[in-house]
């Protein structure tokens, strides 16, 4: 029967932790499961980076919270900032131009269309760069 590497007490062959001191044991079930717990999402970094932009700031926030790899977190944070900022700009412009009357409304539609076009171009460009593995 093996002994604990920390306190020296006897432990069973298949335990993950010492029953006396709680130290992890090399041959236990818990240590065999540790590498599986450290894998992130099973996706390669470039695919996860691309998916950060799929639904704008929403998927950016999801990947920022669940994936700890630096490359993925960079693209998730960039997605939150870029598309969250564009969403805020659209909301503010909509509130300003809707209350501006007919002339303000028609100018607002043009500016909102331009902001949406910039968002579409950024969306495609950022997904392409993330998939290529670039920051």
C-alpha atoms as a PDB file:
ATOM      1  CA  UNK A   1       0.000   0.000   0.000  1.00  0.00           C
ATOM      2  CA  UNK A   2       1.487   3.428  -0.938  1.00  0.00           C
ATOM      3  CA  UNK A   3       2.151   6.287   1.440  1.00  0.00           C
ATOM      4  CA  UNK A   4       1.160   9.946   1.188  1.00  0.00           C
ATOM      5  CA  UNK A   5       3.962  12.098  -0.212  1.00  0.00           C
ATOM      6  CA  UNK A   6       3.146  14.918   2.209  1.00  0.00           C
ATOM      7  CA  UNK A   7       2.276  13.389   5.588  1.00  0.00           C
ATOM      8  CA  UNK A   8       3.490   9.796   5.166  1.00  0.00           C
ATOM      9  CA  UNK A   9       0.201   8.080   6.134  1.00  0.00           C
ATOM     10  CA  UNK A  10      -0.902   5.005   4.231  1.00  0.00           C
ATOM     11  CA  UNK A  11      -3.371   5.598   1.383  1.00  0.00           C
ATOM     12  CA  UNK A  12      -5.212   3.242  -0.952  1.00  0.00           C
ATOM     13  CA  UNK A  13      -3.996   2.752  -4.526  1.00  0.00           C
ATOM     14  CA  UNK A  14      -6.941   4.439  -6.258  1.00  0.00           C
ATOM     15  CA  UNK A  15      -7.515   7.546  -4.105  1.00  0.00           C
ATOM     16  CA  UNK A  16      -6.956  11.019  -5.464  1.00  0.00           C
ATOM     17  CA  UNK A  17      -6.322  12.683  -2.091  1.00  0.00           C
ATOM     18  CA  UNK A  18      -4.836  11.650   1.230  1.00  0.00           C
ATOM     19  CA  UNK A  19      -7.619  11.043   3.788  1.00  0.00           C
ATOM     20  CA  UNK A  20      -5.456  12.555   6.568  1.00  0.00           C
ATOM     21  CA  UNK A  21      -4.020  15.745   5.103  1.00  0.00           C
ATOM     22  CA  UNK A  22      -5.900  16.132   1.795  1.00  0.00           C
ATOM     23  CA  UNK A  23      -2.771  16.292  -0.384  1.00  0.00           C
ATOM     24  CA  UNK A  24      -3.272  15.159  -4.006  1.00  0.00           C
ATOM     25  CA  UNK A  25      -1.860  11.730  -4.796  1.00  0.00           C
ATOM     26  CA  UNK A  26      -0.086  10.844  -8.056  1.00  0.00           C
ATOM     27  CA  UNK A  27      -1.934   7.632  -8.840  1.00  0.00           C
ATOM     28  CA  UNK A  28      -5.432   8.710  -7.943  1.00  0.00           C
ATOM     29  CA  UNK A  29      -8.516   9.309 -10.017  1.00  0.00           C
ATOM     30  CA  UNK A  30      -8.558  13.048  -9.338  1.00  0.00           C
ATOM     31  CA  UNK A  31      -5.057  13.563 -10.718  1.00  0.00           C
ATOM     32  CA  UNK A  32      -5.948  11.573 -13.829  1.00  0.00           C
ATOM     33  CA  UNK A  33      -8.916  13.874 -14.394  1.00  0.00           C
ATOM     34  CA  UNK A  34      -6.934  17.103 -13.885  1.00  0.00           C
ATOM     35  CA  UNK A  35      -5.662  17.419 -17.486  1.00  0.00           C
ATOM     36  CA  UNK A  36      -9.209  17.077 -18.839  1.00  0.00           C
ATOM     37  CA  UNK A  37     -10.363  19.885 -16.587  1.00  0.00           C
ATOM     38  CA  UNK A  38      -7.572  22.158 -17.802  1.00  0.00           C
ATOM     39  CA  UNK A  39      -8.559  21.928 -21.475  1.00  0.00           C
ATOM     40  CA  UNK A  40     -10.607  24.930 -22.470  1.00  0.00           C
ATOM     41  CA  UNK A  41     -13.306  24.303 -25.035  1.00  0.00           C
ATOM     42  CA  UNK A  42     -11.799  21.666 -27.298  1.00  0.00           C
ATOM     43  CA  UNK A  43     -11.532  24.226 -30.117  1.00  0.00           C
ATOM     44  CA  UNK A  44      -8.309  25.351 -31.676  1.00  0.00           C
ATOM     45  CA  UNK A  45      -7.308  28.910 -30.791  1.00  0.00           C
ATOM     46  CA  UNK A  46      -7.983  30.349 -34.237  1.00  0.00           C
ATOM     47  CA  UNK A  47     -11.504  28.853 -34.424  1.00  0.00           C
ATOM     48  CA  UNK A  48     -12.306  30.050 -30.896  1.00  0.00           C
ATOM     49  CA  UNK A  49     -10.965  33.506 -31.840  1.00  0.00           C
ATOM     50  CA  UNK A  50     -13.220  33.561 -34.902  1.00  0.00           C
ATOM     51  CA  UNK A  51     -16.246  32.512 -32.846  1.00  0.00           C
ATOM     52  CA  UNK A  52     -15.641  35.436 -30.468  1.00  0.00           C
ATOM     53  CA  UNK A  53     -16.970  37.689 -33.237  1.00  0.00           C
ATOM     54  CA  UNK A  54     -19.840  35.503 -34.458  1.00  0.00           C
ATOM     55  CA  UNK A  55     -22.656  37.317 -32.606  1.00  0.00           C
ATOM     56  CA  UNK A  56     -20.738  40.485 -31.796  1.00  0.00           C
ATOM     57  CA  UNK A  57     -20.204  41.459 -28.186  1.00  0.00           C
ATOM     58  CA  UNK A  58     -22.411  38.618 -26.900  1.00  0.00           C
ATOM     59  CA  UNK A  59     -20.113  35.805 -28.035  1.00  0.00           C
ATOM     60  CA  UNK A  60     -17.138  37.957 -27.076  1.00  0.00           C
ATOM     61  CA  UNK A  61     -18.427  38.088 -23.518  1.00  0.00           C
ATOM     62  CA  UNK A  62     -19.121  34.341 -23.455  1.00  0.00           C
ATOM     63  CA  UNK A  63     -15.632  33.426 -24.664  1.00  0.00           C
ATOM     64  CA  UNK A  64     -14.025  36.001 -22.361  1.00  0.00           C
ATOM     65  CA  UNK A  65     -15.647  34.290 -19.383  1.00  0.00           C
ATOM     66  CA  UNK A  66     -15.118  30.631 -20.346  1.00  0.00           C
ATOM     67  CA  UNK A  67     -11.799  30.512 -22.231  1.00  0.00           C
ATOM     68  CA  UNK A  68      -8.563  31.454 -20.462  1.00  0.00           C
ATOM     69  CA  UNK A  69      -6.133  31.250 -23.386  1.00  0.00           C
ATOM     70  CA  UNK A  70      -4.506  34.675 -24.031  1.00  0.00           C
ATOM     71  CA  UNK A  71      -5.160  34.663 -27.788  1.00  0.00           C
ATOM     72  CA  UNK A  72      -8.855  33.878 -27.341  1.00  0.00           C
ATOM     73  CA  UNK A  73      -9.245  36.366 -24.488  1.00  0.00           C
ATOM     74  CA  UNK A  74      -7.658  39.078 -26.668  1.00  0.00           C
ATOM     75  CA  UNK A  75     -10.180  38.515 -29.461  1.00  0.00           C
ATOM     76  CA  UNK A  76     -13.048  38.200 -26.983  1.00  0.00           C
ATOM     77  CA  UNK A  77     -12.124  41.524 -25.354  1.00  0.00           C
ATOM     78  CA  UNK A  78     -11.712  43.141 -28.773  1.00  0.00           C
ATOM     79  CA  UNK A  79     -15.140  41.874 -29.789  1.00  0.00           C
ATOM     80  CA  UNK A  80     -16.699  43.299 -26.628  1.00  0.00           C
ATOM     81  CA  UNK A  81     -15.063  46.700 -27.110  1.00  0.00           C
ATOM     82  CA  UNK A  82     -15.631  47.057 -30.862  1.00  0.00           C
ATOM     83  CA  UNK A  83     -19.151  45.706 -31.170  1.00  0.00           C
ATOM     84  CA  UNK A  84     -20.276  46.917 -27.758  1.00  0.00           C
ATOM     85  CA  UNK A  85     -19.098  50.393 -28.741  1.00  0.00           C
ATOM     86  CA  UNK A  86     -20.877  50.203 -32.090  1.00  0.00           C
ATOM     87  CA  UNK A  87     -24.065  49.095 -30.341  1.00  0.00           C
ATOM     88  CA  UNK A  88     -23.881  52.041 -27.954  1.00  0.00           C
ATOM     89  CA  UNK A  89     -23.235  54.427 -30.864  1.00  0.00           C
ATOM     90  CA  UNK A  90     -26.283  53.055 -32.726  1.00  0.00           C
ATOM     91  CA  UNK A  91     -28.500  53.457 -29.655  1.00  0.00           C
ATOM     92  CA  UNK A  92     -27.356  57.027 -28.997  1.00  0.00           C
ATOM     93  CA  UNK A  93     -27.718  58.040 -32.654  1.00  0.00           C
ATOM     94  CA  UNK A  94     -31.169  56.471 -32.826  1.00  0.00           C
ATOM     95  CA  UNK A  95     -32.314  58.414 -29.771  1.00  0.00           C
ATOM     96  CA  UNK A  96     -30.888  61.681 -31.122  1.00  0.00           C
ATOM     97  CA  UNK A  97     -32.257  61.472 -34.642  1.00  0.00           C
ATOM     98  CA  UNK A  98     -35.675  60.043 -33.921  1.00  0.00           C
ATOM     99  CA  UNK A  99     -36.552  63.069 -31.796  1.00  0.00           C
ATOM    100  CA  UNK A 100     -35.103  65.493 -34.403  1.00  0.00           C
ATOM    101  CA  UNK A 101     -38.115  65.588 -36.740  1.00  0.00           C
ATOM    102  CA  UNK A 102     -38.210  64.563 -40.393  1.00  0.00           C
ATOM    103  CA  UNK A 103     -34.928  66.256 -41.419  1.00  0.00           C
ATOM    104  CA  UNK A 104     -33.146  64.772 -38.418  1.00  0.00           C
ATOM    105  CA  UNK A 105     -34.688  61.392 -39.118  1.00  0.00           C
ATOM    106  CA  UNK A 106     -33.469  61.215 -42.724  1.00  0.00           C
ATOM    107  CA  UNK A 107     -29.946  62.319 -41.758  1.00  0.00           C
ATOM    108  CA  UNK A 108     -29.995  59.834 -38.911  1.00  0.00           C
ATOM    109  CA  UNK A 109     -30.928  56.963 -41.211  1.00  0.00           C
ATOM    110  CA  UNK A 110     -27.921  57.758 -43.405  1.00  0.00           C
ATOM    111  CA  UNK A 111     -25.526  57.941 -40.464  1.00  0.00           C
ATOM    112  CA  UNK A 112     -26.936  54.756 -38.917  1.00  0.00           C
ATOM    113  CA  UNK A 113     -26.543  53.007 -42.276  1.00  0.00           C
ATOM    114  CA  UNK A 114     -22.908  54.143 -42.387  1.00  0.00           C
ATOM    115  CA  UNK A 115     -22.255  52.888 -38.827  1.00  0.00           C
ATOM    116  CA  UNK A 116     -23.843  49.553 -39.754  1.00  0.00           C
ATOM    117  CA  UNK A 117     -21.654  49.285 -42.856  1.00  0.00           C
ATOM    118  CA  UNK A 118     -18.527  49.980 -40.776  1.00  0.00           C
ATOM    119  CA  UNK A 119     -19.682  47.287 -38.335  1.00  0.00           C
ATOM    120  CA  UNK A 120     -20.137  44.761 -41.141  1.00  0.00           C
ATOM    121  CA  UNK A 121     -16.686  45.462 -42.581  1.00  0.00           C
ATOM    122  CA  UNK A 122     -15.076  45.208 -39.130  1.00  0.00           C
ATOM    123  CA  UNK A 123     -16.984  42.001 -38.397  1.00  0.00           C
ATOM    124  CA  UNK A 124     -15.668  40.293 -41.549  1.00  0.00           C
ATOM    125  CA  UNK A 125     -12.130  41.666 -41.156  1.00  0.00           C
ATOM    126  CA  UNK A 126     -11.789  40.718 -37.492  1.00  0.00           C
ATOM    127  CA  UNK A 127     -13.117  37.194 -38.026  1.00  0.00           C
ATOM    128  CA  UNK A 128     -10.702  36.733 -40.934  1.00  0.00           C
ATOM    129  CA  UNK A 129      -7.723  37.996 -38.894  1.00  0.00           C
ATOM    130  CA  UNK A 130      -8.632  35.829 -35.894  1.00  0.00           C
ATOM    131  CA  UNK A 131      -8.912  32.732 -38.073  1.00  0.00           C
ATOM    132  CA  UNK A 132      -5.468  33.464 -39.542  1.00  0.00           C
ATOM    133  CA  UNK A 133      -4.058  33.588 -35.999  1.00  0.00           C
ATOM    134  CA  UNK A 134      -3.272  37.315 -36.025  1.00  0.00           C
ATOM    135  CA  UNK A 135      -3.901  39.835 -33.271  1.00  0.00           C
END
